[in-house]
Amino acid sequence: FAEVLDAASQAVMAELDQPDVDDYDF
C-alpha cells in the first residue's frame, strides 16, 4: 500500500520537470 502512495508522490514531483511549471510550486 505504501509503495502505491510513494509512486504517486514521485509522479507528482515529476510534474516539476515540466517546462511550464515553477520548480518551487508549493
PDB file of all heavy atoms in Angstrom:
ATOM      1  N   PHE A   1       0.841  -1.193   0.000  1.00  0.00           N
ATOM      2  CA  PHE A   1       0.000   0.000   0.000  1.00  0.00           C
ATOM      3  C   PHE A   1       0.882   1.251   0.000  1.00  0.00           C
ATOM      4  O   PHE A   1       0.654   2.203  -0.754  1.00  0.00           O
ATOM      5  CB  PHE A   1      -0.922  -0.033   1.213  1.00  0.00           C
ATOM      6  CG  PHE A   1      -2.021   0.999   1.226  1.00  0.00           C
ATOM      7  CD1 PHE A   1      -2.335   1.762   0.121  1.00  0.00           C
ATOM      8  CD2 PHE A   1      -2.750   1.201   2.380  1.00  0.00           C
ATOM      9  CE1 PHE A   1      -3.352   2.707   0.145  1.00  0.00           C
ATOM     10  CE2 PHE A   1      -3.767   2.145   2.424  1.00  0.00           C
ATOM     11  CZ  PHE A   1      -4.062   2.900   1.310  1.00  0.00           C
ATOM     12  N   ALA A   2       1.920   1.236   0.830  1.00  0.00           N
ATOM     13  CA  ALA A   2       2.826   2.382   0.906  1.00  0.00           C
ATOM     14  C   ALA A   2       3.542   2.612  -0.421  1.00  0.00           C
ATOM     15  O   ALA A   2       3.771   3.761  -0.817  1.00  0.00           O
ATOM     16  CB  ALA A   2       3.827   2.176   2.038  1.00  0.00           C
ATOM     17  N   GLU A   3       3.887   1.551  -1.127  1.00  0.00           N
ATOM     18  CA  GLU A   3       4.549   1.688  -2.427  1.00  0.00           C
ATOM     19  C   GLU A   3       3.666   2.426  -3.436  1.00  0.00           C
ATOM     20  O   GLU A   3       4.168   3.195  -4.250  1.00  0.00           O
ATOM     21  CB  GLU A   3       4.944   0.324  -2.974  1.00  0.00           C
ATOM     22  CG  GLU A   3       6.144  -0.279  -2.284  1.00  0.00           C
ATOM     23  CD  GLU A   3       6.470  -1.681  -2.790  1.00  0.00           C
ATOM     24  OE1 GLU A   3       5.982  -2.077  -3.867  1.00  0.00           O
ATOM     25  OE2 GLU A   3       7.201  -2.379  -2.078  1.00  0.00           O
ATOM     26  N   VAL A   4       2.365   2.178  -3.365  1.00  0.00           N
ATOM     27  CA  VAL A   4       1.438   2.880  -4.266  1.00  0.00           C
ATOM     28  C   VAL A   4       1.495   4.381  -3.977  1.00  0.00           C
ATOM     29  O   VAL A   4       1.586   5.208  -4.891  1.00  0.00           O
ATOM     30  CB  VAL A   4      -0.001   2.345  -4.105  1.00  0.00           C
ATOM     31  CG1 VAL A   4      -0.996   3.213  -4.862  1.00  0.00           C
ATOM     32  CG2 VAL A   4      -0.083   0.899  -4.571  1.00  0.00           C
ATOM     33  N   LEU A   5       1.466   4.737  -2.701  1.00  0.00           N
ATOM     34  CA  LEU A   5       1.498   6.157  -2.339  1.00  0.00           C
ATOM     35  C   LEU A   5       2.855   6.779  -2.643  1.00  0.00           C
ATOM     36  O   LEU A   5       2.927   7.936  -3.079  1.00  0.00           O
ATOM     37  CB  LEU A   5       1.137   6.323  -0.864  1.00  0.00           C
ATOM     38  CG  LEU A   5      -0.292   5.892  -0.516  1.00  0.00           C
ATOM     39  CD1 LEU A   5      -0.514   5.979   0.987  1.00  0.00           C
ATOM     40  CD2 LEU A   5      -1.317   6.708  -1.268  1.00  0.00           C
ATOM     41  N   ASP A   6       3.942   6.028  -2.442  1.00  0.00           N
ATOM     42  CA  ASP A   6       5.270   6.536  -2.799  1.00  0.00           C
ATOM     43  C   ASP A   6       5.368   6.794  -4.304  1.00  0.00           C
ATOM     44  O   ASP A   6       5.913   7.810  -4.735  1.00  0.00           O
ATOM     45  CB  ASP A   6       6.364   5.549  -2.388  1.00  0.00           C
ATOM     46  CG  ASP A   6       6.687   5.610  -0.909  1.00  0.00           C
ATOM     47  OD1 ASP A   6       6.442   6.659  -0.269  1.00  0.00           O
ATOM     48  OD2 ASP A   6       7.205   4.596  -0.386  1.00  0.00           O
ATOM     49  N   ALA A   7       4.848   5.869  -5.096  1.00  0.00           N
ATOM     50  CA  ALA A   7       4.873   6.048  -6.553  1.00  0.00           C
ATOM     51  C   ALA A   7       4.050   7.270  -6.961  1.00  0.00           C
ATOM     52  O   ALA A   7       4.455   8.035  -7.846  1.00  0.00           O
ATOM     53  CB  ALA A   7       4.348   4.792  -7.248  1.00  0.00           C
ATOM     54  N   ALA A   8       2.907   7.460  -6.303  1.00  0.00           N
ATOM     55  CA  ALA A   8       2.080   8.639  -6.592  1.00  0.00           C
ATOM     56  C   ALA A   8       2.830   9.917  -6.224  1.00  0.00           C
ATOM     57  O   ALA A   8       2.791  10.908  -6.965  1.00  0.00           O
ATOM     58  CB  ALA A   8       0.755   8.552  -5.848  1.00  0.00           C
ATOM     59  N   SER A   9       3.531   9.892  -5.103  1.00  0.00           N
ATOM     60  CA  SER A   9       4.326  11.047  -4.680  1.00  0.00           C
ATOM     61  C   SER A   9       5.396  11.375  -5.713  1.00  0.00           C
ATOM     62  O   SER A   9       5.603  12.542  -6.070  1.00  0.00           O
ATOM     63  CB  SER A   9       4.972  10.763  -3.322  1.00  0.00           C
ATOM     64  OG  SER A   9       5.857  11.800  -2.954  1.00  0.00           O
ATOM     65  N   GLN A  10       6.058  10.351  -6.210  1.00  0.00           N
ATOM     66  CA  GLN A  10       7.097  10.562  -7.228  1.00  0.00           C
ATOM     67  C   GLN A  10       6.496  11.105  -8.530  1.00  0.00           C
ATOM     68  O   GLN A  10       7.094  11.955  -9.191  1.00  0.00           O
ATOM     69  CB  GLN A  10       7.851   9.262  -7.471  1.00  0.00           C
ATOM     70  CG  GLN A  10       8.694   8.845  -6.286  1.00  0.00           C
ATOM     71  CD  GLN A  10       9.207   7.423  -6.395  1.00  0.00           C
ATOM     72  OE1 GLN A  10       9.076   6.782  -7.425  1.00  0.00           O
ATOM     73  NE2 GLN A  10       9.793   6.933  -5.317  1.00  0.00           N
ATOM     74  N   ALA A  11       5.306  10.604  -8.879  1.00  0.00           N
ATOM     75  CA  ALA A  11       4.643  11.088 -10.093  1.00  0.00           C
ATOM     76  C   ALA A  11       4.279  12.564  -9.960  1.00  0.00           C
ATOM     77  O   ALA A  11       4.414  13.338 -10.918  1.00  0.00           O
ATOM     78  CB  ALA A  11       3.390  10.252 -10.383  1.00  0.00           C
ATOM     79  N   VAL A  12       3.836  12.961  -8.777  1.00  0.00           N
ATOM     80  CA  VAL A  12       3.512  14.367  -8.548  1.00  0.00           C
ATOM     81  C   VAL A  12       4.773  15.220  -8.668  1.00  0.00           C
ATOM     82  O   VAL A  12       4.773  16.270  -9.319  1.00  0.00           O
ATOM     83  CB  VAL A  12       2.845  14.562  -7.161  1.00  0.00           C
ATOM     84  CG1 VAL A  12       2.770  16.036  -6.795  1.00  0.00           C
ATOM     85  CG2 VAL A  12       1.461  13.932  -7.145  1.00  0.00           C
ATOM     86  N   MET A  13       5.872  14.760  -8.088  1.00  0.00           N
ATOM     87  CA  MET A  13       7.122  15.522  -8.158  1.00  0.00           C
ATOM     88  C   MET A  13       7.643  15.603  -9.586  1.00  0.00           C
ATOM     89  O   MET A  13       8.295  16.582  -9.954  1.00  0.00           O
ATOM     90  CB  MET A  13       8.179  14.911  -7.237  1.00  0.00           C
ATOM     91  CG  MET A  13       7.942  15.193  -5.769  1.00  0.00           C
ATOM     92  SD  MET A  13       7.859  16.953  -5.376  1.00  0.00           S
ATOM     93  CE  MET A  13       9.578  17.411  -5.536  1.00  0.00           C
ATOM     94  N   ALA A  14       7.343  14.608 -10.402  1.00  0.00           N
ATOM     95  CA  ALA A  14       7.774  14.628 -11.803  1.00  0.00           C
ATOM     96  C   ALA A  14       7.129  15.786 -12.561  1.00  0.00           C
ATOM     97  O   ALA A  14       7.666  16.238 -13.583  1.00  0.00           O
ATOM     98  CB  ALA A  14       7.455  13.297 -12.473  1.00  0.00           C
ATOM     99  N   GLU A  15       5.999  16.271 -12.047  1.00  0.00           N
ATOM    100  CA  GLU A  15       5.349  17.423 -12.677  1.00  0.00           C
ATOM    101  C   GLU A  15       6.265  18.647 -12.671  1.00  0.00           C
ATOM    102  O   GLU A  15       6.177  19.509 -13.546  1.00  0.00           O
ATOM    103  CB  GLU A  15       4.039  17.764 -11.962  1.00  0.00           C
ATOM    104  CG  GLU A  15       2.943  16.742 -12.135  1.00  0.00           C
ATOM    105  CD  GLU A  15       1.681  17.112 -11.366  1.00  0.00           C
ATOM    106  OE1 GLU A  15       1.426  18.316 -11.157  1.00  0.00           O
ATOM    107  OE2 GLU A  15       0.957  16.186 -10.973  1.00  0.00           O
ATOM    108  N   LEU A  16       7.161  18.717 -11.676  1.00  0.00           N
ATOM    109  CA  LEU A  16       8.071  19.860 -11.583  1.00  0.00           C
ATOM    110  C   LEU A  16       9.075  19.877 -12.734  1.00  0.00           C
ATOM    111  O   LEU A  16       9.705  20.903 -12.990  1.00  0.00           O
ATOM    112  CB  LEU A  16       8.809  19.847 -10.242  1.00  0.00           C
ATOM    113  CG  LEU A  16       7.939  20.078  -9.008  1.00  0.00           C
ATOM    114  CD1 LEU A  16       8.766  19.932  -7.748  1.00  0.00           C
ATOM    115  CD2 LEU A  16       7.271  21.437  -9.061  1.00  0.00           C
ATOM    116  N   ASP A  17       9.238  18.748 -13.414  1.00  0.00           N
ATOM    117  CA  ASP A  17      10.165  18.669 -14.545  1.00  0.00           C
ATOM    118  C   ASP A  17       9.581  19.245 -15.829  1.00  0.00           C
ATOM    119  O   ASP A  17      10.289  19.388 -16.822  1.00  0.00           O
ATOM    120  CB  ASP A  17      10.576  17.215 -14.799  1.00  0.00           C
ATOM    121  CG  ASP A  17      11.387  16.634 -13.649  1.00  0.00           C
ATOM    122  OD1 ASP A  17      12.020  17.427 -12.910  1.00  0.00           O
ATOM    123  OD2 ASP A  17      11.395  15.402 -13.490  1.00  0.00           O
ATOM    124  N   GLN A  18       8.305  19.565 -15.801  1.00  0.00           N
ATOM    125  CA  GLN A  18       7.663  20.140 -16.985  1.00  0.00           C
ATOM    126  C   GLN A  18       8.167  21.568 -17.183  1.00  0.00           C
ATOM    127  O   GLN A  18       8.360  22.307 -16.213  1.00  0.00           O
ATOM    128  CB  GLN A  18       6.138  20.125 -16.830  1.00  0.00           C
ATOM    129  CG  GLN A  18       5.545  18.751 -16.617  1.00  0.00           C
ATOM    130  CD  GLN A  18       5.875  17.805 -17.755  1.00  0.00           C
ATOM    131  OE1 GLN A  18       5.797  18.166 -18.915  1.00  0.00           O
ATOM    132  NE2 GLN A  18       6.271  16.590 -17.402  1.00  0.00           N
ATOM    133  N   PRO A  19       8.402  21.966 -18.424  1.00  0.00           N
ATOM    134  CA  PRO A  19       8.996  23.289 -18.683  1.00  0.00           C
ATOM    135  C   PRO A  19       8.153  24.474 -18.210  1.00  0.00           C
ATOM    136  O   PRO A  19       8.700  25.506 -17.853  1.00  0.00           O
ATOM    137  CB  PRO A  19       9.157  23.328 -20.206  1.00  0.00           C
ATOM    138  CG  PRO A  19       8.391  22.190 -20.740  1.00  0.00           C
ATOM    139  CD  PRO A  19       8.138  21.220 -19.634  1.00  0.00           C
ATOM    140  N   ASP A  20       6.845  24.325 -18.171  1.00  0.00           N
ATOM    141  CA  ASP A  20       5.991  25.464 -17.797  1.00  0.00           C
ATOM    142  C   ASP A  20       5.599  25.462 -16.316  1.00  0.00           C
ATOM    143  O   ASP A  20       4.738  26.241 -15.908  1.00  0.00           O
ATOM    144  CB  ASP A  20       4.744  25.494 -18.672  1.00  0.00           C
ATOM    145  CG  ASP A  20       3.915  24.226 -18.538  1.00  0.00           C
ATOM    146  OD1 ASP A  20       4.477  23.179 -18.159  1.00  0.00           O
ATOM    147  OD2 ASP A  20       2.701  24.282 -18.814  1.00  0.00           O
ATOM    148  N   VAL A  21       6.243  24.626 -15.508  1.00  0.00           N
ATOM    149  CA  VAL A  21       5.899  24.523 -14.085  1.00  0.00           C
ATOM    150  C   VAL A  21       7.026  25.131 -13.248  1.00  0.00           C
ATOM    151  O   VAL A  21       8.211  24.859 -13.463  1.00  0.00           O
ATOM    152  CB  VAL A  21       5.667  23.051 -13.684  1.00  0.00           C
ATOM    153  CG1 VAL A  21       5.406  22.927 -12.187  1.00  0.00           C
ATOM    154  CG2 VAL A  21       4.510  22.460 -14.477  1.00  0.00           C
ATOM    155  N   ASP A  22       6.636  25.947 -12.289  1.00  0.00           N
ATOM    156  CA  ASP A  22       7.595  26.562 -11.372  1.00  0.00           C
ATOM    157  C   ASP A  22       8.231  25.481 -10.495  1.00  0.00           C
ATOM    158  O   ASP A  22       7.536  24.691  -9.849  1.00  0.00           O
ATOM    159  CB  ASP A  22       6.856  27.586 -10.502  1.00  0.00           C
ATOM    160  CG  ASP A  22       7.737  28.250  -9.463  1.00  0.00           C
ATOM    161  OD1 ASP A  22       8.979  28.075  -9.508  1.00  0.00           O
ATOM    162  OD2 ASP A  22       7.176  28.954  -8.595  1.00  0.00           O
ATOM    163  N   ASP A  23       9.561  25.438 -10.468  1.00  0.00           N
ATOM    164  CA  ASP A  23      10.290  24.438  -9.669  1.00  0.00           C
ATOM    165  C   ASP A  23       9.955  24.505  -8.183  1.00  0.00           C
ATOM    166  O   ASP A  23      10.167  23.536  -7.460  1.00  0.00           O
ATOM    167  CB  ASP A  23      11.800  24.618  -9.828  1.00  0.00           C
ATOM    168  CG  ASP A  23      12.296  24.221 -11.192  1.00  0.00           C
ATOM    169  OD1 ASP A  23      11.575  23.487 -11.899  1.00  0.00           O
ATOM    170  OD2 ASP A  23      13.418  24.641 -11.550  1.00  0.00           O
ATOM    171  N   TYR A  24       9.452  25.638  -7.737  1.00  0.00           N
ATOM    172  CA  TYR A  24       9.161  25.829  -6.314  1.00  0.00           C
ATOM    173  C   TYR A  24       7.663  25.881  -6.028  1.00  0.00           C
ATOM    174  O   TYR A  24       7.242  26.412  -5.002  1.00  0.00           O
ATOM    175  CB  TYR A  24       9.855  27.092  -5.809  1.00  0.00           C
ATOM    176  CG  TYR A  24      11.350  27.010  -5.997  1.00  0.00           C
ATOM    177  CD1 TYR A  24      11.969  27.636  -7.066  1.00  0.00           C
ATOM    178  CD2 TYR A  24      12.134  26.261  -5.125  1.00  0.00           C
ATOM    179  CE1 TYR A  24      13.339  27.533  -7.259  1.00  0.00           C
ATOM    180  CE2 TYR A  24      13.499  26.153  -5.307  1.00  0.00           C
ATOM    181  CZ  TYR A  24      14.102  26.784  -6.377  1.00  0.00           C
ATOM    182  OH  TYR A  24      15.454  26.675  -6.560  1.00  0.00           O
ATOM    183  N   ASP A  25       6.869  25.318  -6.909  1.00  0.00           N
ATOM    184  CA  ASP A  25       5.409  25.322  -6.749  1.00  0.00           C
ATOM    185  C   ASP A  25       5.042  24.644  -5.426  1.00  0.00           C
ATOM    186  O   ASP A  25       5.249  23.446  -5.236  1.00  0.00           O
ATOM    187  CB  ASP A  25       4.744  24.604  -7.916  1.00  0.00           C
ATOM    188  CG  ASP A  25       3.229  24.716  -7.875  1.00  0.00           C
ATOM    189  OD1 ASP A  25       2.636  24.336  -6.852  1.00  0.00           O
ATOM    190  OD2 ASP A  25       2.651  25.178  -8.867  1.00  0.00           O
ATOM    191  N   PHE A  26       4.490  25.428  -4.511  1.00  0.00           N
ATOM    192  CA  PHE A  26       4.173  24.932  -3.168  1.00  0.00           C
ATOM    193  C   PHE A  26       3.110  23.838  -3.193  1.00  0.00           C
ATOM    194  O   PHE A  26       3.224  22.836  -2.476  1.00  0.00           O
ATOM    195  CB  PHE A  26       3.712  26.091  -2.278  1.00  0.00           C
ATOM    196  CG  PHE A  26       3.304  25.652  -0.901  1.00  0.00           C
ATOM    197  CD1 PHE A  26       4.257  25.343   0.054  1.00  0.00           C
ATOM    198  CD2 PHE A  26       1.958  25.537  -0.569  1.00  0.00           C
ATOM    199  CE1 PHE A  26       3.886  24.922   1.325  1.00  0.00           C
ATOM    200  CE2 PHE A  26       1.585  25.122   0.698  1.00  0.00           C
ATOM    201  CZ  PHE A  26       2.547  24.816   1.643  1.00  0.00           C
TER     202      PHE A  26
END
